[in-house]
Amino acid sequence: MSPEFLAMLEESLNMFAFLAVELTVLFLAISYVVGVLQEYITPEKVQATLSSRNGKGYVIAAFLGAITPFCSCSTIPFLKGLLRARAGFGPIMVFLLSSPLLNPIVIGLLIVTFGLDVAIFYFTLAMTVSIAAGFLLEKLGFDRYLRDESYHDAASSTTALATPIAALEGDRNIDASQAFGCGTDSAGTSSCGVSAQAGTVKPNRWVSIWHSTWKDFKNTLPYLLLGITLGSIIYGFIPTDLIVAYAGENKWYAIPIAAVIGIPLYIRASAVIPLSAGLVQKGMALGSVMALIIGSAGASLTEVILLKSIFKIQMIAAFLTVVLGMAIIAGYLYSFLF
């Protein structure tokens, strides 16, 4: 094998190891935090705040995405949490689009690298298109393309603790061991961490949240590993010179090509802007760079594979269409204005 191939292989393996560790930690941490938040923020509050019935829910979802420093992949656990709380479908889609695109790291690096005016342009366009796309997808009824199991799983994990407590509060004749399916020893402590002394029932919520988080992670793991593998191969074996060759020329098709290249080329938020600056130095057109940034930050092959556990193929196609459309519009508009 040639030294060039070995170097690319090493780069792919390093990226795989890095992403596997990082995304695993992020997924588990974010999922657990979301589970903890759901103990204090009721589904009714989420529904009221992120409702599709008024425009406020869409705007709040966009700004919620803007303050969460998630990449396209680590947005998925939070997305599942919103589904679990039965937030409006339109605001959920706004969050899915805006969270990786309006990442504070991306905005900060844009200001430092390309200037405040470019950062304002990027933020305004990403915010506007995310809200408009979420609203349109809601009105067109794309919520029917959510997988049934994503709602069923969400409902079961949300009510896993609430149901037995409600049963005990509603019927004093129900024994704690019957409600929770656990035994109780002579000291009044159940085998599953529930205290039955003095007529009180205190389930070990934190352990229950962890069990739910781990179950969700195991269900997602095959998609995660497949996406990381493909993304790492593309990252290691597609040189930047090739990107410049096909997306760097100042021609009409350069911007769409850059947008399409950005999605499978998994690039972290902290790396996409420095990489873009390097591509500009190699001669890549600024409009194409903008399309590449939105394409790579807004979606990734790994994210698409993960979304298959939540969305049907029609919804995934709609999501990719929105990201690609936003990237292409931004590229052409940027070339026209700057």
Protein backbone atom coordinates (compact mmCIF):
# COMPACT_ATOMS: atom_id res chain seq x y z
CA MET A 1 0.00 0.00 0.00
CA SER A 2 1.19 3.49 -0.85
CA PRO A 3 2.16 5.99 1.84
CA GLU A 4 -0.70 8.26 0.67
CA PHE A 5 -3.27 5.50 1.19
CA LEU A 6 -1.86 4.65 4.61
CA ALA A 7 -1.99 8.30 5.61
CA MET A 8 -5.64 8.58 4.53
CA LEU A 9 -6.47 5.32 6.30
CA GLU A 10 -4.84 6.56 9.49
CA GLU A 11 -6.79 9.80 9.25
CA SER A 12 -10.05 7.88 8.80
CA LEU A 13 -9.32 5.60 11.76
CA ASN A 14 -8.42 8.56 13.95
CA MET A 15 -11.64 10.30 12.96
CA PHE A 16 -13.65 7.13 13.65
CA ALA A 17 -12.16 6.75 17.13
CA PHE A 18 -12.64 10.43 17.91
CA LEU A 19 -16.27 10.52 16.69
CA ALA A 20 -17.17 7.22 18.34
CA VAL A 21 -16.01 8.41 21.75
CA GLU A 22 -17.31 11.96 21.38
CA LEU A 23 -20.76 11.09 20.02
CA THR A 24 -21.23 8.27 22.53
CA VAL A 25 -20.46 10.58 25.44
CA LEU A 26 -22.57 13.37 23.97
CA PHE A 27 -25.52 11.09 23.24
CA LEU A 28 -25.55 9.58 26.73
CA ALA A 29 -24.97 12.91 28.48
CA ILE A 30 -27.55 14.86 26.50
CA SER A 31 -30.14 12.07 26.73
CA TYR A 32 -29.68 11.86 30.50
CA VAL A 33 -29.87 15.64 30.97
CA VAL A 34 -33.03 15.75 28.85
CA GLY A 35 -34.48 12.95 31.00
CA VAL A 36 -33.66 14.91 34.17
CA LEU A 37 -35.23 18.07 32.72
CA GLN A 38 -38.39 16.14 31.98
CA GLU A 39 -38.68 15.42 35.69
CA TYR A 40 -39.06 19.15 36.33
CA ILE A 41 -40.50 20.45 33.06
CA THR A 42 -43.84 18.82 32.40
CA PRO A 43 -44.91 17.81 28.89
CA GLU A 44 -47.77 20.29 29.24
CA LYS A 45 -45.28 23.16 29.64
CA VAL A 46 -43.31 22.02 26.60
CA GLN A 47 -46.49 21.70 24.58
CA ALA A 48 -47.60 25.20 25.61
CA THR A 49 -44.19 26.75 24.91
CA LEU A 50 -43.38 24.93 21.67
CA SER A 51 -46.89 24.83 20.30
CA SER A 52 -47.67 24.90 16.59
CA ARG A 53 -50.80 26.95 17.23
CA ASN A 54 -49.03 30.30 17.22
CA GLY A 55 -45.90 31.77 15.75
CA LYS A 56 -44.23 32.18 19.13
CA GLY A 57 -43.48 28.46 19.41
CA TYR A 58 -41.53 28.50 16.14
CA VAL A 59 -39.43 31.50 17.18
CA ILE A 60 -38.71 30.04 20.62
CA ALA A 61 -37.63 26.75 19.01
CA ALA A 62 -35.25 28.64 16.71
CA PHE A 63 -33.62 30.54 19.56
CA LEU A 64 -33.49 27.35 21.64
CA GLY A 65 -31.52 25.84 18.78
CA ALA A 66 -29.29 28.90 18.65
CA ILE A 67 -28.22 28.61 22.30
CA THR A 68 -27.60 24.84 22.24
CA PRO A 69 -24.03 24.12 21.06
CA PHE A 70 -24.94 20.86 19.30
CA CYS A 71 -23.61 19.44 16.08
CA SER A 72 -26.00 17.80 13.65
CA CYS A 73 -25.63 14.38 15.32
CA SER A 74 -25.85 15.39 18.97
CA THR A 75 -29.11 17.22 18.20
CA ILE A 76 -30.86 13.83 17.92
CA PRO A 77 -31.16 13.05 21.68
CA PHE A 78 -32.67 16.48 22.32
CA LEU A 79 -35.01 15.96 19.36
CA LYS A 80 -36.20 12.70 20.91
CA GLY A 81 -36.80 14.56 24.17
CA LEU A 82 -39.05 17.05 22.40
CA LEU A 83 -40.95 14.19 20.79
CA ARG A 84 -41.25 12.59 24.22
CA ALA A 85 -42.81 15.78 25.54
CA ARG A 86 -45.17 15.99 22.55
CA ALA A 87 -43.98 19.40 21.38
CA GLY A 88 -45.47 20.74 18.15
CA PHE A 89 -44.11 19.10 15.01
CA GLY A 90 -43.32 22.43 13.32
CA PRO A 91 -41.25 23.79 16.24
CA ILE A 92 -39.48 20.41 16.50
CA MET A 93 -38.38 20.72 12.88
CA VAL A 94 -37.27 24.31 13.49
CA PHE A 95 -35.06 23.11 16.34
CA LEU A 96 -33.65 20.25 14.25
CA LEU A 97 -32.62 22.71 11.53
CA SER A 98 -31.48 25.64 13.65
CA SER A 99 -29.53 23.86 16.39
CA PRO A 100 -26.49 22.79 14.32
CA LEU A 101 -26.67 25.75 11.92
CA LEU A 102 -26.89 28.45 14.58
CA ASN A 103 -24.36 26.76 16.84
CA PRO A 104 -22.70 29.56 18.89
CA ILE A 105 -19.29 28.13 17.97
CA VAL A 106 -20.08 28.48 14.27
CA ILE A 107 -21.31 32.06 14.69
CA GLY A 108 -18.26 33.05 16.75
CA LEU A 109 -15.82 31.55 14.27
CA LEU A 110 -17.64 33.21 11.37
CA ILE A 111 -17.20 36.59 13.04
CA VAL A 112 -13.51 36.01 13.67
CA THR A 113 -12.76 34.49 10.24
CA PHE A 114 -15.03 36.32 7.79
CA GLY A 115 -16.30 39.34 9.69
CA LEU A 116 -19.44 40.49 11.50
CA ASP A 117 -21.43 41.27 8.33
CA VAL A 118 -21.01 37.71 7.03
CA ALA A 119 -22.00 36.27 10.42
CA ILE A 120 -25.14 38.44 10.52
CA PHE A 121 -26.06 37.36 6.99
CA TYR A 122 -25.58 33.70 7.90
CA PHE A 123 -27.53 33.94 11.17
CA THR A 124 -30.44 35.84 9.62
CA LEU A 125 -30.79 33.49 6.66
CA ALA A 126 -30.48 30.29 8.73
CA MET A 127 -32.98 31.56 11.31
CA THR A 128 -35.50 32.69 8.68
CA VAL A 129 -35.33 29.54 6.55
CA SER A 130 -35.50 27.25 9.60
CA ILE A 131 -38.67 28.91 10.88
CA ALA A 132 -40.26 29.04 7.42
CA ALA A 133 -39.41 25.39 6.72
CA GLY A 134 -40.78 24.20 10.06
CA PHE A 135 -44.02 26.11 9.49
CA LEU A 136 -44.38 24.80 5.93
CA LEU A 137 -43.66 21.17 6.85
CA GLU A 138 -46.26 21.41 9.62
CA LYS A 139 -48.90 22.83 7.28
CA LEU A 140 -48.17 20.19 4.63
CA GLY A 141 -48.77 17.45 7.17
CA PHE A 142 -45.30 15.92 7.17
CA ASP A 143 -45.83 14.81 10.76
CA ARG A 144 -47.45 11.70 9.28
CA TYR A 145 -43.94 10.62 8.26
CA LEU A 146 -42.79 10.23 11.85
CA ARG A 147 -42.28 6.57 12.69
CA ASP A 148 -44.97 5.18 14.97
CA GLU A 149 -42.43 3.59 17.28
CA SER A 150 -40.78 6.94 17.99
CA TYR A 151 -44.02 8.16 19.55
CA HIS A 152 -44.73 4.87 21.30
CA ASP A 153 -41.25 4.72 22.82
CA ALA A 154 -41.49 8.37 23.81
CA ALA A 155 -44.84 7.88 25.47
CA SER A 156 -43.75 4.85 27.44
CA SER A 157 -40.56 6.48 28.73
CA THR A 158 -42.41 9.65 29.72
CA THR A 159 -45.11 7.86 31.68
CA ALA A 160 -42.92 5.12 33.13
CA LEU A 161 -42.65 6.97 36.44
CA ALA A 162 -45.82 9.04 36.31
CA THR A 163 -48.25 6.14 35.83
CA PRO A 164 -47.52 4.19 39.03
CA ILE A 165 -47.40 7.36 41.11
CA ALA A 166 -50.73 8.48 39.70
CA ALA A 167 -52.17 5.06 40.38
CA LEU A 168 -51.03 5.16 43.99
CA GLU A 169 -52.35 8.68 44.51
CA GLY A 170 -55.67 7.84 42.92
CA ASP A 171 -56.27 4.58 44.81
CA ARG A 172 -55.02 4.23 48.38
CA ASN A 173 -55.81 0.51 48.26
CA ILE A 174 -53.10 -0.20 45.67
CA ASP A 175 -49.98 -1.64 47.26
CA ALA A 176 -46.63 -0.13 46.27
CA SER A 177 -45.28 -3.54 45.23
CA GLN A 178 -48.27 -4.01 42.91
CA ALA A 179 -47.87 -0.65 41.25
CA PHE A 180 -44.13 -0.96 40.67
CA GLY A 181 -43.97 -4.71 40.22
CA CYS A 182 -41.37 -5.06 42.98
CA GLY A 183 -41.10 -6.91 46.28
CA THR A 184 -40.87 -5.26 49.68
CA ASP A 185 -38.68 -6.53 52.48
CA SER A 186 -39.34 -6.43 56.24
CA ALA A 187 -37.71 -3.02 56.54
CA GLY A 188 -40.20 -1.54 54.13
CA THR A 189 -37.79 -1.05 51.27
CA SER A 190 -38.58 -2.52 47.89
CA SER A 191 -36.06 -4.42 45.78
CA CYS A 192 -36.22 -1.80 43.01
CA GLY A 193 -35.31 1.16 45.19
CA VAL A 194 -38.84 2.18 46.29
CA SER A 195 -39.48 3.05 49.91
CA ALA A 196 -42.86 1.97 51.28
CA GLN A 197 -42.42 3.30 54.81
CA ALA A 198 -44.99 5.71 56.22
CA GLY A 199 -47.17 5.29 53.13
CA THR A 200 -44.72 7.17 50.86
CA VAL A 201 -43.50 6.02 47.46
CA LYS A 202 -40.17 7.38 46.19
CA PRO A 203 -38.95 5.69 43.04
CA ASN A 204 -35.26 5.98 42.26
CA ARG A 205 -35.80 8.43 39.44
CA TRP A 206 -32.17 8.90 38.53
CA VAL A 207 -31.58 5.19 38.01
CA SER A 208 -34.78 4.94 35.99
CA ILE A 209 -33.67 7.82 33.79
CA TRP A 210 -30.31 6.13 33.23
CA HIS A 211 -31.98 2.84 32.26
CA SER A 212 -34.16 4.70 29.76
CA THR A 213 -31.13 6.56 28.40
CA TRP A 214 -29.10 3.37 28.01
CA LYS A 215 -31.98 1.56 26.28
CA ASP A 216 -32.37 4.44 23.85
CA PHE A 217 -28.62 4.43 23.20
CA LYS A 218 -28.56 0.68 22.48
CA ASN A 219 -31.40 1.09 19.99
CA THR A 220 -29.54 3.92 18.25
CA LEU A 221 -26.05 2.38 18.37
CA PRO A 222 -26.19 0.46 15.04
CA TYR A 223 -27.20 3.63 13.20
CA LEU A 224 -24.53 5.60 15.06
CA LEU A 225 -21.72 3.17 14.18
CA LEU A 226 -22.77 2.94 10.53
CA GLY A 227 -22.91 6.70 10.17
CA ILE A 228 -19.57 7.24 11.91
CA THR A 229 -17.92 4.61 9.70
CA LEU A 230 -19.15 6.11 6.45
CA GLY A 231 -18.46 9.67 7.59
CA SER A 232 -14.92 8.79 8.68
CA ILE A 233 -14.15 7.10 5.35
CA ILE A 234 -15.37 10.11 3.41
CA TYR A 235 -13.50 12.48 5.70
CA GLY A 236 -10.20 10.63 5.34
CA PHE A 237 -10.29 9.76 1.66
CA ILE A 238 -11.74 12.89 0.02
CA PRO A 239 -8.96 15.52 -0.22
CA THR A 240 -9.70 19.22 -0.04
CA ASP A 241 -8.04 19.68 -3.44
CA LEU A 242 -10.81 17.60 -4.99
CA ILE A 243 -13.45 19.79 -3.37
CA VAL A 244 -11.79 22.91 -4.73
CA ALA A 245 -11.50 21.38 -8.19
CA TYR A 246 -15.24 20.78 -8.50
CA ALA A 247 -16.74 23.42 -6.22
CA GLY A 248 -14.16 26.17 -6.29
CA GLU A 249 -14.64 27.61 -9.74
CA ASN A 250 -16.79 30.68 -10.11
CA LYS A 251 -19.44 28.91 -12.22
CA TRP A 252 -23.17 28.48 -11.69
CA TYR A 253 -22.93 24.81 -10.75
CA ALA A 254 -20.15 25.31 -8.17
CA ILE A 255 -22.56 26.31 -5.40
CA PRO A 256 -24.94 23.30 -5.73
CA ILE A 257 -21.94 20.97 -5.89
CA ALA A 258 -20.48 22.51 -2.73
CA ALA A 259 -23.82 22.13 -0.94
CA VAL A 260 -24.08 18.46 -1.93
CA ILE A 261 -20.46 17.76 -0.96
CA GLY A 262 -20.99 19.31 2.47
CA ILE A 263 -23.58 16.79 3.69
CA PRO A 264 -21.63 13.51 3.41
CA LEU A 265 -18.40 15.26 4.39
CA TYR A 266 -18.92 15.17 8.15
CA ILE A 267 -17.20 18.27 9.54
CA ARG A 268 -17.33 19.39 13.16
CA ALA A 269 -18.56 22.90 13.91
CA SER A 270 -15.16 23.87 15.29
CA ALA A 271 -13.45 22.70 12.09
CA VAL A 272 -15.84 23.78 9.34
CA ILE A 273 -14.94 27.49 9.49
CA PRO A 274 -11.12 27.06 9.59
CA LEU A 275 -11.45 24.52 6.77
CA SER A 276 -13.52 27.01 4.80
CA ALA A 277 -10.87 29.67 5.31
CA GLY A 278 -8.28 27.25 3.95
CA LEU A 279 -10.46 26.48 0.93
CA VAL A 280 -10.79 30.20 0.21
CA GLN A 281 -7.00 30.44 0.23
CA LYS A 282 -6.89 27.60 -2.31
CA GLY A 283 -9.22 29.53 -4.59
CA MET A 284 -12.70 28.34 -3.68
CA ALA A 285 -15.43 30.89 -4.40
CA LEU A 286 -16.94 32.56 -1.33
CA GLY A 287 -20.49 31.64 -2.35
CA SER A 288 -19.46 28.01 -2.63
CA VAL A 289 -17.83 28.23 0.80
CA MET A 290 -21.09 29.49 2.30
CA ALA A 291 -23.01 26.61 0.67
CA LEU A 292 -20.42 24.14 2.00
CA ILE A 293 -20.67 25.53 5.52
CA ILE A 294 -24.47 25.24 5.63
CA GLY A 295 -24.46 21.82 3.96
CA SER A 296 -21.88 20.38 6.33
CA ALA A 297 -23.17 22.04 9.51
CA GLY A 298 -26.87 21.57 8.73
CA ALA A 299 -26.78 17.85 8.01
CA SER A 300 -24.41 14.93 7.85
CA LEU A 301 -24.52 11.36 6.67
CA THR A 302 -24.29 10.20 10.27
CA GLU A 303 -27.27 12.34 11.25
CA VAL A 304 -29.35 11.08 8.32
CA ILE A 305 -28.71 7.49 9.38
CA LEU A 306 -29.67 8.32 12.97
CA LEU A 307 -32.84 10.04 11.79
CA LYS A 308 -33.98 6.79 10.21
CA SER A 309 -34.90 5.63 13.70
CA ILE A 310 -37.33 8.58 13.97
CA PHE A 311 -38.39 9.59 10.45
CA LYS A 312 -39.72 7.74 7.47
CA ILE A 313 -37.88 8.15 4.18
CA GLN A 314 -40.24 10.91 2.99
CA MET A 315 -39.42 13.05 6.03
CA ILE A 316 -35.69 12.47 5.65
CA ALA A 317 -35.95 13.52 1.99
CA ALA A 318 -37.82 16.67 3.02
CA PHE A 319 -35.21 17.48 5.67
CA LEU A 320 -32.33 17.09 3.20
CA THR A 321 -34.21 19.17 0.62
CA VAL A 322 -34.53 22.01 3.13
CA VAL A 323 -30.85 21.90 4.08
CA LEU A 324 -29.69 21.72 0.46
CA GLY A 325 -32.11 24.46 -0.57
CA MET A 326 -30.93 26.70 2.25
CA ALA A 327 -27.28 26.08 1.34
CA ILE A 328 -27.84 26.83 -2.35
CA ILE A 329 -29.91 29.96 -1.66
CA ALA A 330 -27.30 31.20 0.80
CA GLY A 331 -24.50 30.58 -1.68
CA TYR A 332 -26.11 32.47 -4.54
CA LEU A 333 -27.37 35.28 -2.29
CA TYR A 334 -23.96 35.61 -0.67
CA SER A 335 -22.27 35.81 -4.08
CA PHE A 336 -24.73 38.51 -5.11
CA LEU A 337 -24.45 40.65 -1.96
CA PHE A 338 -20.72 40.35 -1.15
